[in-house]
Amino acid sequence: GLPAFAVTSWGDHRVERHRLEARGASFSARRDVPIVGGVMFRPV
């Protein structure tokens, strides 16, 4: 029941994955990096 999202980071050259965890009435998140690039990778 808890979502996971892909997030693009233009400035850090990566696509992140945020797995959400319950925190009160909202959420916190665990982050990892399924796609990582060099300085010429600018995902939008």
PDB file of all heavy atoms in Angstrom:
ATOM      1  N   GLY A   1       0.786  -1.226   0.000  1.00  0.00           N
ATOM      2  CA  GLY A   1       0.000   0.000   0.000  1.00  0.00           C
ATOM      3  C   GLY A   1       0.813   1.269   0.000  1.00  0.00           C
ATOM      4  O   GLY A   1       0.256   2.366  -0.049  1.00  0.00           O
ATOM      5  N   LEU A   2       2.132   1.153   0.054  1.00  0.00           N
ATOM      6  CA  LEU A   2       3.004   2.331   0.077  1.00  0.00           C
ATOM      7  C   LEU A   2       3.675   2.496  -1.274  1.00  0.00           C
ATOM      8  O   LEU A   2       4.255   1.543  -1.804  1.00  0.00           O
ATOM      9  CB  LEU A   2       4.054   2.185   1.180  1.00  0.00           C
ATOM     10  CG  LEU A   2       3.486   2.125   2.601  1.00  0.00           C
ATOM     11  CD1 LEU A   2       4.580   1.759   3.597  1.00  0.00           C
ATOM     12  CD2 LEU A   2       2.849   3.456   2.985  1.00  0.00           C
ATOM     13  N   PRO A   3       3.635   3.698  -1.839  1.00  0.00           N
ATOM     14  CA  PRO A   3       4.134   3.886  -3.205  1.00  0.00           C
ATOM     15  C   PRO A   3       5.653   4.006  -3.270  1.00  0.00           C
ATOM     16  O   PRO A   3       6.329   4.344  -2.292  1.00  0.00           O
ATOM     17  CB  PRO A   3       3.477   5.205  -3.633  1.00  0.00           C
ATOM     18  CG  PRO A   3       3.314   5.958  -2.350  1.00  0.00           C
ATOM     19  CD  PRO A   3       3.016   4.927  -1.302  1.00  0.00           C
ATOM     20  N   ALA A   4       6.169   3.728  -4.452  1.00  0.00           N
ATOM     21  CA  ALA A   4       7.567   4.005  -4.788  1.00  0.00           C
ATOM     22  C   ALA A   4       7.566   4.888  -6.032  1.00  0.00           C
ATOM     23  O   ALA A   4       6.776   4.667  -6.952  1.00  0.00           O
ATOM     24  CB  ALA A   4       8.336   2.716  -5.044  1.00  0.00           C
ATOM     25  N   PHE A   5       8.451   5.883  -6.054  1.00  0.00           N
ATOM     26  CA  PHE A   5       8.502   6.839  -7.152  1.00  0.00           C
ATOM     27  C   PHE A   5       9.910   6.931  -7.724  1.00  0.00           C
ATOM     28  O   PHE A   5      10.904   6.814  -6.999  1.00  0.00           O
ATOM     29  CB  PHE A   5       8.095   8.242  -6.667  1.00  0.00           C
ATOM     30  CG  PHE A   5       6.661   8.383  -6.283  1.00  0.00           C
ATOM     31  CD1 PHE A   5       6.277   8.342  -4.948  1.00  0.00           C
ATOM     32  CD2 PHE A   5       5.682   8.558  -7.246  1.00  0.00           C
ATOM     33  CE1 PHE A   5       4.953   8.482  -4.583  1.00  0.00           C
ATOM     34  CE2 PHE A   5       4.347   8.695  -6.895  1.00  0.00           C
ATOM     35  CZ  PHE A   5       3.981   8.655  -5.567  1.00  0.00           C
ATOM     36  N   ALA A   6       9.971   7.172  -9.034  1.00  0.00           N
ATOM     37  CA  ALA A   6      11.214   7.579  -9.680  1.00  0.00           C
ATOM     38  C   ALA A   6      11.259   9.098  -9.700  1.00  0.00           C
ATOM     39  O   ALA A   6      10.258   9.754  -9.999  1.00  0.00           O
ATOM     40  CB  ALA A   6      11.291   7.035 -11.098  1.00  0.00           C
ATOM     41  N   VAL A   7      12.422   9.670  -9.379  1.00  0.00           N
ATOM     42  CA  VAL A   7      12.624  11.115  -9.372  1.00  0.00           C
ATOM     43  C   VAL A   7      13.899  11.427 -10.148  1.00  0.00           C
ATOM     44  O   VAL A   7      14.947  10.823  -9.885  1.00  0.00           O
ATOM     45  CB  VAL A   7      12.742  11.660  -7.934  1.00  0.00           C
ATOM     46  CG1 VAL A   7      13.193  13.122  -7.935  1.00  0.00           C
ATOM     47  CG2 VAL A   7      11.422  11.519  -7.196  1.00  0.00           C
ATOM     48  N   THR A   8      13.811  12.348 -11.104  1.00  0.00           N
ATOM     49  CA  THR A   8      15.004  12.742 -11.855  1.00  0.00           C
ATOM     50  C   THR A   8      15.716  13.884 -11.136  1.00  0.00           C
ATOM     51  O   THR A   8      15.079  14.822 -10.655  1.00  0.00           O
ATOM     52  CB  THR A   8      14.645  13.196 -13.279  1.00  0.00           C
ATOM     53  OG1 THR A   8      13.739  14.314 -13.214  1.00  0.00           O
ATOM     54  CG2 THR A   8      13.997  12.071 -14.062  1.00  0.00           C
ATOM     55  N   SER A   9      17.028  13.816 -11.071  1.00  0.00           N
ATOM     56  CA  SER A   9      17.841  14.876 -10.484  1.00  0.00           C
ATOM     57  C   SER A   9      18.776  15.428 -11.562  1.00  0.00           C
ATOM     58  O   SER A   9      19.807  14.821 -11.873  1.00  0.00           O
ATOM     59  CB  SER A   9      18.659  14.359  -9.296  1.00  0.00           C
ATOM     60  OG  SER A   9      19.586  15.333  -8.850  1.00  0.00           O
ATOM     61  N   TRP A  10      18.407  16.565 -12.128  1.00  0.00           N
ATOM     62  CA  TRP A  10      19.190  17.217 -13.180  1.00  0.00           C
ATOM     63  C   TRP A  10      20.583  17.583 -12.683  1.00  0.00           C
ATOM     64  O   TRP A  10      21.574  17.441 -13.402  1.00  0.00           O
ATOM     65  CB  TRP A  10      18.440  18.462 -13.649  1.00  0.00           C
ATOM     66  CG  TRP A  10      19.047  19.212 -14.785  1.00  0.00           C
ATOM     67  CD1 TRP A  10      18.782  19.058 -16.118  1.00  0.00           C
ATOM     68  CD2 TRP A  10      20.004  20.289 -14.708  1.00  0.00           C
ATOM     69  NE1 TRP A  10      19.511  19.954 -16.868  1.00  0.00           N
ATOM     70  CE2 TRP A  10      20.264  20.719 -16.028  1.00  0.00           C
ATOM     71  CE3 TRP A  10      20.648  20.920 -13.652  1.00  0.00           C
ATOM     72  CZ2 TRP A  10      21.157  21.760 -16.313  1.00  0.00           C
ATOM     73  CZ3 TRP A  10      21.541  21.957 -13.926  1.00  0.00           C
ATOM     74  CH2 TRP A  10      21.781  22.367 -15.253  1.00  0.00           C
ATOM     75  N   GLY A  11      20.676  18.050 -11.449  1.00  0.00           N
ATOM     76  CA  GLY A  11      21.943  18.556 -10.944  1.00  0.00           C
ATOM     77  C   GLY A  11      22.890  17.497 -10.418  1.00  0.00           C
ATOM     78  O   GLY A  11      24.100  17.724 -10.361  1.00  0.00           O
ATOM     79  N   ASP A  12      22.371  16.334 -10.026  1.00  0.00           N
ATOM     80  CA  ASP A  12      23.222  15.271  -9.488  1.00  0.00           C
ATOM     81  C   ASP A  12      23.354  14.086 -10.443  1.00  0.00           C
ATOM     82  O   ASP A  12      23.847  13.024 -10.037  1.00  0.00           O
ATOM     83  CB  ASP A  12      22.690  14.801  -8.133  1.00  0.00           C
ATOM     84  CG  ASP A  12      23.011  15.782  -7.017  1.00  0.00           C
ATOM     85  OD1 ASP A  12      24.030  16.483  -7.138  1.00  0.00           O
ATOM     86  OD2 ASP A  12      22.249  15.863  -6.039  1.00  0.00           O
ATOM     87  N   HIS A  13      22.883  14.244 -11.691  1.00  0.00           N
ATOM     88  CA  HIS A  13      23.162  13.277 -12.762  1.00  0.00           C
ATOM     89  C   HIS A  13      22.633  11.879 -12.443  1.00  0.00           C
ATOM     90  O   HIS A  13      23.309  10.881 -12.680  1.00  0.00           O
ATOM     91  CB  HIS A  13      24.678  13.190 -13.031  1.00  0.00           C
ATOM     92  CG  HIS A  13      25.395  14.496 -12.940  1.00  0.00           C
ATOM     93  ND1 HIS A  13      25.239  15.486 -13.877  1.00  0.00           N
ATOM     94  CD2 HIS A  13      26.250  14.986 -12.005  1.00  0.00           C
ATOM     95  CE1 HIS A  13      25.990  16.532 -13.528  1.00  0.00           C
ATOM     96  NE2 HIS A  13      26.600  16.251 -12.401  1.00  0.00           N
ATOM     97  N   ARG A  14      21.404  11.807 -11.945  1.00  0.00           N
ATOM     98  CA  ARG A  14      20.899  10.488 -11.557  1.00  0.00           C
ATOM     99  C   ARG A  14      19.378  10.459 -11.573  1.00  0.00           C
ATOM    100  O   ARG A  14      18.708  11.500 -11.542  1.00  0.00           O
ATOM    101  CB  ARG A  14      21.414  10.119 -10.169  1.00  0.00           C
ATOM    102  CG  ARG A  14      20.871  10.977  -9.035  1.00  0.00           C
ATOM    103  CD  ARG A  14      21.691  10.818  -7.782  1.00  0.00           C
ATOM    104  NE  ARG A  14      21.080  11.477  -6.626  1.00  0.00           N
ATOM    105  CZ  ARG A  14      21.742  11.839  -5.546  1.00  0.00           C
ATOM    106  NH1 ARG A  14      23.044  11.605  -5.455  1.00  0.00           N
ATOM    107  NH2 ARG A  14      21.114  12.434  -4.538  1.00  0.00           N
ATOM    108  N   VAL A  15      18.854   9.249 -11.599  1.00  0.00           N
ATOM    109  CA  VAL A  15      17.439   8.995 -11.369  1.00  0.00           C
ATOM    110  C   VAL A  15      17.338   8.255 -10.050  1.00  0.00           C
ATOM    111  O   VAL A  15      17.957   7.197  -9.861  1.00  0.00           O
ATOM    112  CB  VAL A  15      16.805   8.174 -12.500  1.00  0.00           C
ATOM    113  CG1 VAL A  15      15.342   7.858 -12.180  1.00  0.00           C
ATOM    114  CG2 VAL A  15      16.911   8.921 -13.828  1.00  0.00           C
ATOM    115  N   GLU A  16      16.595   8.811  -9.126  1.00  0.00           N
ATOM    116  CA  GLU A  16      16.455   8.237  -7.790  1.00  0.00           C
ATOM    117  C   GLU A  16      15.166   7.430  -7.684  1.00  0.00           C
ATOM    118  O   GLU A  16      14.207   7.661  -8.416  1.00  0.00           O
ATOM    119  CB  GLU A  16      16.432   9.349  -6.744  1.00  0.00           C
ATOM    120  CG  GLU A  16      17.655  10.246  -6.770  1.00  0.00           C
ATOM    121  CD  GLU A  16      17.520  11.452  -5.883  1.00  0.00           C
ATOM    122  OE1 GLU A  16      16.377  11.751  -5.430  1.00  0.00           O
ATOM    123  OE2 GLU A  16      18.533  12.116  -5.632  1.00  0.00           O
ATOM    124  N   ARG A  17      15.172   6.508  -6.727  1.00  0.00           N
ATOM    125  CA  ARG A  17      13.941   5.778  -6.378  1.00  0.00           C
ATOM    126  C   ARG A  17      13.657   6.049  -4.906  1.00  0.00           C
ATOM    127  O   ARG A  17      14.517   5.867  -4.048  1.00  0.00           O
ATOM    128  CB  ARG A  17      14.119   4.280  -6.624  1.00  0.00           C
ATOM    129  CG  ARG A  17      12.895   3.438  -6.235  1.00  0.00           C
ATOM    130  CD  ARG A  17      13.052   2.015  -6.742  1.00  0.00           C
ATOM    131  NE  ARG A  17      14.372   1.484  -6.403  1.00  0.00           N
ATOM    132  CZ  ARG A  17      15.056   0.648  -7.187  1.00  0.00           C
ATOM    133  NH1 ARG A  17      14.557   0.246  -8.326  1.00  0.00           N
ATOM    134  NH2 ARG A  17      16.246   0.210  -6.817  1.00  0.00           N
ATOM    135  N   HIS A  18      12.440   6.508  -4.631  1.00  0.00           N
ATOM    136  CA  HIS A  18      12.023   6.816  -3.262  1.00  0.00           C
ATOM    137  C   HIS A  18      10.912   5.849  -2.867  1.00  0.00           C
ATOM    138  O   HIS A  18       9.810   5.896  -3.425  1.00  0.00           O
ATOM    139  CB  HIS A  18      11.541   8.259  -3.170  1.00  0.00           C
ATOM    140  CG  HIS A  18      12.620   9.274  -3.392  1.00  0.00           C
ATOM    141  ND1 HIS A  18      13.201   9.980  -2.364  1.00  0.00           N
ATOM    142  CD2 HIS A  18      13.245   9.686  -4.529  1.00  0.00           C
ATOM    143  CE1 HIS A  18      14.126  10.790  -2.848  1.00  0.00           C
ATOM    144  NE2 HIS A  18      14.169  10.632  -4.163  1.00  0.00           N
ATOM    145  N   ARG A  19      11.216   4.977  -1.915  1.00  0.00           N
ATOM    146  CA  ARG A  19      10.228   4.038  -1.374  1.00  0.00           C
ATOM    147  C   ARG A  19       9.661   4.639  -0.094  1.00  0.00           C
ATOM    148  O   ARG A  19      10.391   4.877   0.870  1.00  0.00           O
ATOM    149  CB  ARG A  19      10.864   2.686  -1.100  1.00  0.00           C
ATOM    150  CG  ARG A  19      11.324   1.934  -2.353  1.00  0.00           C
ATOM    151  CD  ARG A  19      11.834   0.557  -1.956  1.00  0.00           C
ATOM    152  NE  ARG A  19      12.095  -0.297  -3.089  1.00  0.00           N
ATOM    153  CZ  ARG A  19      13.297  -0.506  -3.619  1.00  0.00           C
ATOM    154  NH1 ARG A  19      14.361   0.119  -3.108  1.00  0.00           N
ATOM    155  NH2 ARG A  19      13.452  -1.316  -4.647  1.00  0.00           N
ATOM    156  N   LEU A  20       8.353   4.872  -0.095  1.00  0.00           N
ATOM    157  CA  LEU A  20       7.751   5.574   1.028  1.00  0.00           C
ATOM    158  C   LEU A  20       7.447   4.636   2.191  1.00  0.00           C
ATOM    159  O   LEU A  20       7.128   3.458   1.990  1.00  0.00           O
ATOM    160  CB  LEU A  20       6.480   6.294   0.582  1.00  0.00           C
ATOM    161  CG  LEU A  20       6.705   7.725   0.057  1.00  0.00           C
ATOM    162  CD1 LEU A  20       7.670   7.756  -1.120  1.00  0.00           C
ATOM    163  CD2 LEU A  20       5.394   8.374  -0.320  1.00  0.00           C
ATOM    164  N   GLU A  21       7.545   5.191   3.400  1.00  0.00           N
ATOM    165  CA  GLU A  21       7.227   4.488   4.632  1.00  0.00           C
ATOM    166  C   GLU A  21       6.254   5.337   5.433  1.00  0.00           C
ATOM    167  O   GLU A  21       6.304   6.570   5.383  1.00  0.00           O
ATOM    168  CB  GLU A  21       8.495   4.236   5.446  1.00  0.00           C
ATOM    169  CG  GLU A  21       9.530   3.378   4.721  1.00  0.00           C
ATOM    170  CD  GLU A  21      10.806   3.221   5.512  1.00  0.00           C
ATOM    171  OE1 GLU A  21      11.079   4.092   6.386  1.00  0.00           O
ATOM    172  OE2 GLU A  21      11.540   2.239   5.274  1.00  0.00           O
ATOM    173  N   ALA A  22       5.349   4.695   6.171  1.00  0.00           N
ATOM    174  CA  ALA A  22       4.356   5.429   6.956  1.00  0.00           C
ATOM    175  C   ALA A  22       5.038   6.227   8.063  1.00  0.00           C
ATOM    176  O   ALA A  22       5.935   5.731   8.743  1.00  0.00           O
ATOM    177  CB  ALA A  22       3.338   4.465   7.545  1.00  0.00           C
ATOM    178  N   ARG A  23       4.590   7.474   8.234  1.00  0.00           N
ATOM    179  CA  ARG A  23       5.068   8.331   9.315  1.00  0.00           C
ATOM    180  C   ARG A  23       3.905   9.205   9.766  1.00  0.00           C
ATOM    181  O   ARG A  23       3.593  10.219   9.154  1.00  0.00           O
ATOM    182  CB  ARG A  23       6.233   9.206   8.861  1.00  0.00           C
ATOM    183  CG  ARG A  23       6.808  10.075  10.000  1.00  0.00           C
ATOM    184  CD  ARG A  23       7.938  10.960   9.510  1.00  0.00           C
ATOM    185  NE  ARG A  23       7.464  11.972   8.573  1.00  0.00           N
ATOM    186  CZ  ARG A  23       8.259  12.839   7.939  1.00  0.00           C
ATOM    187  NH1 ARG A  23       9.558  12.792   8.125  1.00  0.00           N
ATOM    188  NH2 ARG A  23       7.736  13.731   7.110  1.00  0.00           N
ATOM    189  N   GLY A  24       3.219   8.787  10.814  1.00  0.00           N
ATOM    190  CA  GLY A  24       2.044   9.508  11.277  1.00  0.00           C
ATOM    191  C   GLY A  24       0.973   9.543  10.208  1.00  0.00           C
ATOM    192  O   GLY A  24       0.606   8.516   9.634  1.00  0.00           O
ATOM    193  N   ALA A  25       0.480  10.752   9.906  1.00  0.00           N
ATOM    194  CA  ALA A  25      -0.538  10.905   8.872  1.00  0.00           C
ATOM    195  C   ALA A  25       0.058  11.029   7.484  1.00  0.00           C
ATOM    196  O   ALA A  25      -0.680  11.137   6.507  1.00  0.00           O
ATOM    197  CB  ALA A  25      -1.394  12.140   9.174  1.00  0.00           C
ATOM    198  N   SER A  26       1.386  11.003   7.385  1.00  0.00           N
ATOM    199  CA  SER A  26       2.031  11.152   6.086  1.00  0.00           C
ATOM    200  C   SER A  26       3.116  10.090   5.920  1.00  0.00           C
ATOM    201  O   SER A  26       2.917   8.941   6.333  1.00  0.00           O
ATOM    202  CB  SER A  26       2.602  12.573   5.953  1.00  0.00           C
ATOM    203  OG  SER A  26       3.053  12.818   4.637  1.00  0.00           O
ATOM    204  N   PHE A  27       4.266  10.481   5.359  1.00  0.00           N
ATOM    205  CA  PHE A  27       5.257   9.493   4.967  1.00  0.00           C
ATOM    206  C   PHE A  27       6.674  10.016   5.166  1.00  0.00           C
ATOM    207  O   PHE A  27       6.920  11.222   5.194  1.00  0.00           O
ATOM    208  CB  PHE A  27       5.093   9.135   3.471  1.00  0.00           C
ATOM    209  CG  PHE A  27       3.713   8.701   3.104  1.00  0.00           C
ATOM    210  CD1 PHE A  27       2.787   9.640   2.656  1.00  0.00           C
ATOM    211  CD2 PHE A  27       3.334   7.379   3.208  1.00  0.00           C
ATOM    212  CE1 PHE A  27       1.503   9.252   2.318  1.00  0.00           C
ATOM    213  CE2 PHE A  27       2.049   6.986   2.874  1.00  0.00           C
ATOM    214  CZ  PHE A  27       1.139   7.915   2.431  1.00  0.00           C
ATOM    215  N   SER A  28       7.597   9.087   5.287  1.00  0.00           N
ATOM    216  CA  SER A  28       9.011   9.346   5.067  1.00  0.00           C
ATOM    217  C   SER A  28       9.423   8.486   3.884  1.00  0.00           C
ATOM    218  O   SER A  28       8.594   7.764   3.316  1.00  0.00           O
ATOM    219  CB  SER A  28       9.835   9.006   6.316  1.00  0.00           C
ATOM    220  OG  SER A  28       9.678   7.634   6.654  1.00  0.00           O
ATOM    221  N   ALA A  29      10.691   8.550   3.482  1.00  0.00           N
ATOM    222  CA  ALA A  29      11.102   7.814   2.287  1.00  0.00           C
ATOM    223  C   ALA A  29      12.512   7.258   2.444  1.00  0.00           C
ATOM    224  O   ALA A  29      13.376   7.875   3.075  1.00  0.00           O
ATOM    225  CB  ALA A  29      11.034   8.720   1.051  1.00  0.00           C
ATOM    226  N   ARG A  30      12.721   6.071   1.868  1.00  0.00           N
ATOM    227  CA  ARG A  30      14.053   5.492   1.700  1.00  0.00           C
ATOM    228  C   ARG A  30      14.475   5.700   0.253  1.00  0.00           C
ATOM    229  O   ARG A  30      13.729   5.378  -0.666  1.00  0.00           O
ATOM    230  CB  ARG A  30      14.046   3.993   2.015  1.00  0.00           C
ATOM    231  CG  ARG A  30      13.797   3.662   3.472  1.00  0.00           C
ATOM    232  CD  ARG A  30      13.800   2.150   3.681  1.00  0.00           C
ATOM    233  NE  ARG A  30      12.634   1.518   3.082  1.00  0.00           N
ATOM    234  CZ  ARG A  30      12.674   0.641   2.086  1.00  0.00           C
ATOM    235  NH1 ARG A  30      13.853   0.322   1.535  1.00  0.00           N
ATOM    236  NH2 ARG A  30      11.577   0.095   1.615  1.00  0.00           N
ATOM    237  N   ARG A  31      15.654   6.227   0.060  1.00  0.00           N
ATOM    238  CA  ARG A  31      16.114   6.581  -1.279  1.00  0.00           C
ATOM    239  C   ARG A  31      17.267   5.685  -1.709  1.00  0.00           C
ATOM    240  O   ARG A  31      18.181   5.409  -0.937  1.00  0.00           O
ATOM    241  CB  ARG A  31      16.568   8.049  -1.309  1.00  0.00           C
ATOM    242  CG  ARG A  31      17.048   8.528  -2.678  1.00  0.00           C
ATOM    243  CD  ARG A  31      17.460   9.984  -2.632  1.00  0.00           C
ATOM    244  NE  ARG A  31      18.686  10.193  -1.875  1.00  0.00           N
ATOM    245  CZ  ARG A  31      19.213  11.387  -1.601  1.00  0.00           C
ATOM    246  NH1 ARG A  31      18.594  12.490  -2.012  1.00  0.00           N
ATOM    247  NH2 ARG A  31      20.315  11.503  -0.906  1.00  0.00           N
ATOM    248  N   ASP A  32      17.207   5.226  -2.966  1.00  0.00           N
ATOM    249  CA  ASP A  32      18.366   4.620  -3.595  1.00  0.00           C
ATOM    250  C   ASP A  32      18.461   5.151  -5.023  1.00  0.00           C
ATOM    251  O   ASP A  32      17.651   5.983  -5.436  1.00  0.00           O
ATOM    252  CB  ASP A  32      18.341   3.089  -3.539  1.00  0.00           C
ATOM    253  CG  ASP A  32      17.155   2.495  -4.288  1.00  0.00           C
ATOM    254  OD1 ASP A  32      16.317   3.253  -4.817  1.00  0.00           O
ATOM    255  OD2 ASP A  32      17.047   1.248  -4.355  1.00  0.00           O
ATOM    256  N   VAL A  33      19.474   4.715  -5.757  1.00  0.00           N
ATOM    257  CA  VAL A  33      19.755   5.304  -7.065  1.00  0.00           C
ATOM    258  C   VAL A  33      19.847   4.197  -8.114  1.00  0.00           C
ATOM    259  O   VAL A  33      20.903   3.588  -8.283  1.00  0.00           O
ATOM    260  CB  VAL A  33      21.055   6.130  -7.035  1.00  0.00           C
ATOM    261  CG1 VAL A  33      21.303   6.779  -8.397  1.00  0.00           C
ATOM    262  CG2 VAL A  33      20.989   7.201  -5.950  1.00  0.00           C
ATOM    263  N   PRO A  34      18.753   3.919  -8.841  1.00  0.00           N
ATOM    264  CA  PRO A  34      18.794   2.867  -9.863  1.00  0.00           C
ATOM    265  C   PRO A  34      19.496   3.271 -11.152  1.00  0.00           C
ATOM    266  O   PRO A  34      19.877   2.410 -11.933  1.00  0.00           O
ATOM    267  CB  PRO A  34      17.322   2.561 -10.110  1.00  0.00           C
ATOM    268  CG  PRO A  34      16.605   3.818  -9.751  1.00  0.00           C
ATOM    269  CD  PRO A  34      17.385   4.422  -8.618  1.00  0.00           C
ATOM    270  N   ILE A  35      19.639   4.583 -11.413  1.00  0.00           N
ATOM    271  CA  ILE A  35      20.354   5.059 -12.606  1.00  0.00           C
ATOM    272  C   ILE A  35      21.304   6.172 -12.185  1.00  0.00           C
ATOM    273  O   ILE A  35      20.879   7.177 -11.594  1.00  0.00           O
ATOM    274  CB  ILE A  35      19.404   5.610 -13.687  1.00  0.00           C
ATOM    275  CG1 ILE A  35      18.316   4.605 -14.054  1.00  0.00           C
ATOM    276  CG2 ILE A  35      20.184   6.011 -14.935  1.00  0.00           C
ATOM    277  CD1 ILE A  35      17.326   5.125 -15.072  1.00  0.00           C
ATOM    278  N   VAL A  36      22.562   6.012 -12.496  1.00  0.00           N
ATOM    279  CA  VAL A  36      23.546   7.036 -12.170  1.00  0.00           C
ATOM    280  C   VAL A  36      24.394   7.313 -13.404  1.00  0.00           C
ATOM    281  O   VAL A  36      24.773   6.393 -14.137  1.00  0.00           O
ATOM    282  CB  VAL A  36      24.424   6.609 -10.976  1.00  0.00           C
ATOM    283  CG1 VAL A  36      25.181   5.323 -11.271  1.00  0.00           C
ATOM    284  CG2 VAL A  36      25.381   7.726 -10.576  1.00  0.00           C
ATOM    285  N   GLY A  37      24.659   8.592 -13.660  1.00  0.00           N
ATOM    286  CA  GLY A  37      25.439   8.976 -14.834  1.00  0.00           C
ATOM    287  C   GLY A  37      26.570   9.906 -14.477  1.00  0.00           C
ATOM    288  O   GLY A  37      26.808  10.217 -13.301  1.00  0.00           O
ATOM    289  N   GLY A  38      27.274  10.366 -15.495  1.00  0.00           N
ATOM    290  CA  GLY A  38      28.354  11.323 -15.320  1.00  0.00           C
ATOM    291  C   GLY A  38      27.860  12.738 -15.518  1.00  0.00           C
ATOM    292  O   GLY A  38      26.651  13.006 -15.547  1.00  0.00           O
ATOM    293  N   VAL A  39      28.809  13.660 -15.698  1.00  0.00           N
ATOM    294  CA  VAL A  39      28.461  15.074 -15.756  1.00  0.00           C
ATOM    295  C   VAL A  39      27.651  15.429 -16.998  1.00  0.00           C
ATOM    296  O   VAL A  39      27.029  16.490 -17.046  1.00  0.00           O
ATOM    297  CB  VAL A  39      29.720  15.957 -15.686  1.00  0.00           C
ATOM    298  CG1 VAL A  39      30.406  15.806 -14.353  1.00  0.00           C
ATOM    299  CG2 VAL A  39      30.680  15.636 -16.827  1.00  0.00           C
ATOM    300  N   MET A  40      27.631  14.561 -17.995  1.00  0.00           N
ATOM    301  CA  MET A  40      26.843  14.820 -19.199  1.00  0.00           C
ATOM    302  C   MET A  40      25.529  14.056 -19.203  1.00  0.00           C
ATOM    303  O   MET A  40      24.906  13.847 -20.242  1.00  0.00           O
ATOM    304  CB  MET A  40      27.654  14.484 -20.447  1.00  0.00           C
ATOM    305  CG  MET A  40      28.917  15.304 -20.600  1.00  0.00           C
ATOM    306  SD  MET A  40      28.589  17.073 -20.804  1.00  0.00           S
ATOM    307  CE  MET A  40      28.153  17.124 -22.543  1.00  0.00           C
ATOM    308  N   PHE A  41      25.062  13.644 -18.018  1.00  0.00           N
ATOM    309  CA  PHE A  41      23.735  13.051 -17.858  1.00  0.00           C
ATOM    310  C   PHE A  41      22.915  14.020 -17.026  1.00  0.00           C
ATOM    311  O   PHE A  41      23.182  14.235 -15.846  1.00  0.00           O
ATOM    312  CB  PHE A  41      23.828  11.695 -17.184  1.00  0.00           C
ATOM    313  CG  PHE A  41      22.495  11.018 -16.964  1.00  0.00           C
ATOM    314  CD1 PHE A  41      21.623  10.810 -18.026  1.00  0.00           C
ATOM    315  CD2 PHE A  41      22.124  10.575 -15.699  1.00  0.00           C
ATOM    316  CE1 PHE A  41      20.395  10.173 -17.820  1.00  0.00           C
ATOM    317  CE2 PHE A  41      20.916   9.946 -15.490  1.00  0.00           C
ATOM    318  CZ  PHE A  41      20.046   9.737 -16.555  1.00  0.00           C
ATOM    319  N   ARG A  42      21.912  14.652 -17.656  1.00  0.00           N
ATOM    320  CA  ARG A  42      21.091  15.672 -17.012  1.00  0.00           C
ATOM    321  C   ARG A  42      19.613  15.321 -17.183  1.00  0.00           C
ATOM    322  O   ARG A  42      18.895  15.910 -18.009  1.00  0.00           O
ATOM    323  CB  ARG A  42      21.371  17.042 -17.640  1.00  0.00           C
ATOM    324  CG  ARG A  42      22.804  17.531 -17.476  1.00  0.00           C
ATOM    325  CD  ARG A  42      23.014  18.170 -16.137  1.00  0.00           C
ATOM    326  NE  ARG A  42      24.412  18.587 -15.940  1.00  0.00           N
ATOM    327  CZ  ARG A  42      24.818  19.308 -14.900  1.00  0.00           C
ATOM    328  NH1 ARG A  42      23.940  19.697 -13.995  1.00  0.00           N
ATOM    329  NH2 ARG A  42      26.092  19.621 -14.762  1.00  0.00           N
ATOM    330  N   PRO A  43      19.107  14.325 -16.425  1.00  0.00           N
ATOM    331  CA  PRO A  43      17.730  13.874 -16.631  1.00  0.00           C
ATOM    332  C   PRO A  43      16.714  14.924 -16.213  1.00  0.00           C
ATOM    333  O   PRO A  43      16.868  15.593 -15.197  1.00  0.00           O
ATOM    334  CB  PRO A  43      17.641  12.627 -15.750  1.00  0.00           C
ATOM    335  CG  PRO A  43      18.668  12.841 -14.678  1.00  0.00           C
ATOM    336  CD  PRO A  43      19.787  13.587 -15.347  1.00  0.00           C
ATOM    337  N   VAL A  44      15.670  15.068 -17.033  1.00  0.00           N
ATOM    338  CA  VAL A  44      14.613  16.045 -16.768  1.00  0.00           C
ATOM    339  C   VAL A  44      13.268  15.322 -16.644  1.00  0.00           C
ATOM    340  O   VAL A  44      12.743  15.133 -15.556  1.00  0.00           O
ATOM    341  CB  VAL A  44      14.555  17.120 -17.866  1.00  0.00           C
ATOM    342  CG1 VAL A  44      13.473  18.153 -17.538  1.00  0.00           C
ATOM    343  CG2 VAL A  44      15.902  17.810 -18.013  1.00  0.00           C
TER     344      VAL A  44
END
